[in-house]
Amino acid sequence: MSKTLIIVGLIVVAIGIFWPWLSKLPLGQLPGDIAIRRENAAFYFPLTTMIVVSFLVSGLLWLIDRLG
């Protein structure tokens, strides 16, 4: 358990360090993300972005499990 927490902490630190470059990725603006804008309201549902992030997190957790 402690090894997993250390790895997750290092990943969070790495994301923080690389955030200026990661924020330039087109996540949130992918085809399939639903954006509806009206005069008085706006609705945004990042469907494709959530699927991509889910695959990345699942792959990362699978890799951590295989290594640990």
C-alpha atoms as a PDB file:
ATOM      1  CA  MET A   1       0.000   0.000   0.000  1.00  0.00           C
ATOM      2  CA  SER A   2       2.768   2.452   0.872  1.00  0.00           C
ATOM      3  CA  LYS A   3       4.573   1.758  -2.418  1.00  0.00           C
ATOM      4  CA  THR A   4       1.379   2.590  -4.323  1.00  0.00           C
ATOM      5  CA  LEU A   5       0.929   5.848  -2.404  1.00  0.00           C
ATOM      6  CA  ILE A   6       4.518   6.860  -3.136  1.00  0.00           C
ATOM      7  CA  ILE A   7       4.041   6.164  -6.852  1.00  0.00           C
ATOM      8  CA  VAL A   8       0.761   8.108  -6.941  1.00  0.00           C
ATOM      9  CA  GLY A   9       2.473  10.993  -5.130  1.00  0.00           C
ATOM     10  CA  LEU A  10       5.321  11.012  -7.637  1.00  0.00           C
ATOM     11  CA  ILE A  11       2.825  11.028 -10.501  1.00  0.00           C
ATOM     12  CA  VAL A  12       1.018  14.004  -8.979  1.00  0.00           C
ATOM     13  CA  VAL A  13       4.321  15.848  -8.574  1.00  0.00           C
ATOM     14  CA  ALA A  14       5.275  15.043 -12.188  1.00  0.00           C
ATOM     15  CA  ILE A  15       1.919  16.358 -13.430  1.00  0.00           C
ATOM     16  CA  GLY A  16       2.496  19.539 -11.437  1.00  0.00           C
ATOM     17  CA  ILE A  17       5.954  20.014 -12.898  1.00  0.00           C
ATOM     18  CA  PHE A  18       4.851  19.375 -16.472  1.00  0.00           C
ATOM     19  CA  TRP A  19       1.546  21.274 -16.177  1.00  0.00           C
ATOM     20  CA  PRO A  20       2.602  24.207 -18.433  1.00  0.00           C
ATOM     21  CA  TRP A  21       3.109  21.741 -21.294  1.00  0.00           C
ATOM     22  CA  LEU A  22       0.214  19.442 -20.404  1.00  0.00           C
ATOM     23  CA  SER A  23      -2.243  22.343 -20.409  1.00  0.00           C
ATOM     24  CA  LYS A  24      -1.445  22.945 -24.091  1.00  0.00           C
ATOM     25  CA  LEU A  25      -2.771  19.493 -25.049  1.00  0.00           C
ATOM     26  CA  PRO A  26      -6.163  19.627 -26.786  1.00  0.00           C
ATOM     27  CA  LEU A  27      -7.935  17.723 -23.999  1.00  0.00           C
ATOM     28  CA  GLY A  28     -11.391  19.182 -23.572  1.00  0.00           C
ATOM     29  CA  GLN A  29     -11.581  20.197 -27.220  1.00  0.00           C
ATOM     30  CA  LEU A  30     -11.633  16.779 -28.874  1.00  0.00           C
ATOM     31  CA  PRO A  31     -14.190  15.683 -31.458  1.00  0.00           C
ATOM     32  CA  GLY A  32     -17.035  14.068 -29.559  1.00  0.00           C
ATOM     33  CA  ASP A  33     -16.957  16.526 -26.670  1.00  0.00           C
ATOM     34  CA  ILE A  34     -20.444  17.970 -26.404  1.00  0.00           C
ATOM     35  CA  ALA A  35     -20.701  21.759 -26.172  1.00  0.00           C
ATOM     36  CA  ILE A  36     -24.048  23.536 -26.420  1.00  0.00           C
ATOM     37  CA  ARG A  37     -24.103  27.313 -26.166  1.00  0.00           C
ATOM     38  CA  ARG A  38     -27.312  29.319 -26.068  1.00  0.00           C
ATOM     39  CA  GLU A  39     -27.978  32.971 -25.340  1.00  0.00           C
ATOM     40  CA  ASN A  40     -28.510  32.504 -21.606  1.00  0.00           C
ATOM     41  CA  ALA A  41     -26.858  29.161 -20.885  1.00  0.00           C
ATOM     42  CA  ALA A  42     -24.005  26.888 -21.792  1.00  0.00           C
ATOM     43  CA  PHE A  43     -23.617  23.127 -21.404  1.00  0.00           C
ATOM     44  CA  TYR A  44     -20.333  21.284 -21.798  1.00  0.00           C
ATOM     45  CA  PHE A  45     -19.838  17.518 -21.484  1.00  0.00           C
ATOM     46  CA  PRO A  46     -16.302  16.297 -22.367  1.00  0.00           C
ATOM     47  CA  LEU A  47     -17.306  12.753 -23.387  1.00  0.00           C
ATOM     48  CA  THR A  48     -14.323  11.919 -25.608  1.00  0.00           C
ATOM     49  CA  THR A  49     -11.864  13.535 -23.212  1.00  0.00           C
ATOM     50  CA  MET A  50     -13.224  11.443 -20.328  1.00  0.00           C
ATOM     51  CA  ILE A  51     -12.831   8.241 -22.384  1.00  0.00           C
ATOM     52  CA  VAL A  52      -9.229   9.112 -23.322  1.00  0.00           C
ATOM     53  CA  VAL A  53      -8.327   9.980 -19.723  1.00  0.00           C
ATOM     54  CA  SER A  54      -9.996   6.770 -18.520  1.00  0.00           C
ATOM     55  CA  PHE A  55      -7.896   4.675 -20.919  1.00  0.00           C
ATOM     56  CA  LEU A  56      -4.716   6.457 -19.838  1.00  0.00           C
ATOM     57  CA  VAL A  57      -5.427   6.057 -16.119  1.00  0.00           C
ATOM     58  CA  SER A  58      -6.465   2.411 -16.571  1.00  0.00           C
ATOM     59  CA  GLY A  59      -3.283   1.675 -18.513  1.00  0.00           C
ATOM     60  CA  LEU A  60      -1.157   3.421 -15.918  1.00  0.00           C
ATOM     61  CA  LEU A  61      -2.782   1.517 -13.051  1.00  0.00           C
ATOM     62  CA  TRP A  62      -2.392  -1.763 -14.964  1.00  0.00           C
ATOM     63  CA  LEU A  63       1.301  -0.984 -15.478  1.00  0.00           C
ATOM     64  CA  ILE A  64       1.777  -0.144 -11.800  1.00  0.00           C
ATOM     65  CA  ASP A  65       0.057  -3.411 -10.850  1.00  0.00           C
ATOM     66  CA  ARG A  66       2.287  -5.427 -13.190  1.00  0.00           C
ATOM     67  CA  LEU A  67       5.461  -3.795 -11.852  1.00  0.00           C
ATOM     68  CA  GLY A  68       4.456  -4.059  -8.204  1.00  0.00           C
END
